[in-house]
């Protein structure tokens, strides 16, 4: 009988529950520092029960190329410990022709991302998609017609920032996309009088977008600065929620989190030992696993069998991993109730797997179990089924499997047997 354990779940991640804490380095120029936008993000996070520590390197007019040689930027990058490094290019460069972007923007974006990852192994590079000039870029319009209008300039900015994220396996904070939707559906003034830099509302829009992009939570109901009307705040917050979360795959924002699931059931027993199958294959979004069975044995397989001595209690600790994210479950197994006295005799059936370790084949033997037409499965340590067959009293070839540790699962009627073996 399969049982699902009640779990005490501890999550260490940027998932969307509980209080989250993050460290972010903002690299850019005046589009970032206007109205102290990074501090706005921290205020929004604080109001939502989260915490964001920020530092910035944002000299006016700076390009990503300039930041690759700026001492302050490089010192902050090399300090390490960043969860996010935000990269904002000079406001016009990403809107230029693809050929110009390829030579003047992309190489320097890559250099900064590489430095960030070298010193912060778990960092998420986050590109700051900016917005087009209110009426296009008049100075560059004669040389490149897409820049003659806001819409044309915005389209080029969007394309270039998405390319930067794709080429660097990074994410995008889609401020420019939210800006476009807000501009098209409201009368909120997002620009200052120069038709380029952000107004207070524009910076708040940016900050809400960064909060959603970093914490994977809606900014609806968050803090807002004095000077903005309640109606404008509500509109911006709702637009950020819609634009960010309707297209997380486009922005390459990974909102998936580990969802642990651990089932267990008794395989068989002896008068003193109960053999339990611990099955975590139902876990979602985990790349690897480490199980401490609480009896001095461990496993790195998503399904495994452990022997427990009766009349003892065991704390099973399972740690799941997804990149730099981890989740831990703990539960106590009561040895007195694992294998009740009633039914012990029914379960006292044994399978023998040999040879183990093996190279080309394995065989099964049992005096108690009729193996004819049993279903046999071989599962690797990641929980992936590598082989499935109906047993016909024959050797099971394994020469095609890579070397490593595997789980053999045998099902006959309502009986199930699980064993481990190694292929050399």
Foldseek 3Di string as FASTA:
>chain_A
DKDWDDWDKDWDDLAQDDEEEFEEEEEEAQLCPVVHLVVLLQQQSVQVRYGYHYDYDYHHQDALVNLLPDPVNLVVLQVEPHQEYEDEGRLQQLLDDPVSCVPPPQVSLQSSLVSNCVRYVNHAYEYEQDFAQCAFDVVCCVVPVLRRGRVSSSVSSLVSSLVSCVVSVHFYLPLHVLVVVDVVPDPDDQDDPVSGHGDLLVSSLSSQSVNCLRSVDQSQPTDGDPPDDPVSVNVSSVSSVCVCVVPVVSRSRDNDDKDWTWMKAWQAADPFKTKMKIAGLVIPQFQWKKKDFQPPDIATANIAIDIDTAQDKGKIWMWTHHRPIIMIIIDIDHRPPRDDPPCNVVRHWDKDWDDFQEAFWIAIDTPGDDQQQKWKWKAARRRHTPDIDGDHRDIGTDNPPDWDKIKIWTGDPPHIHIHIGTHD
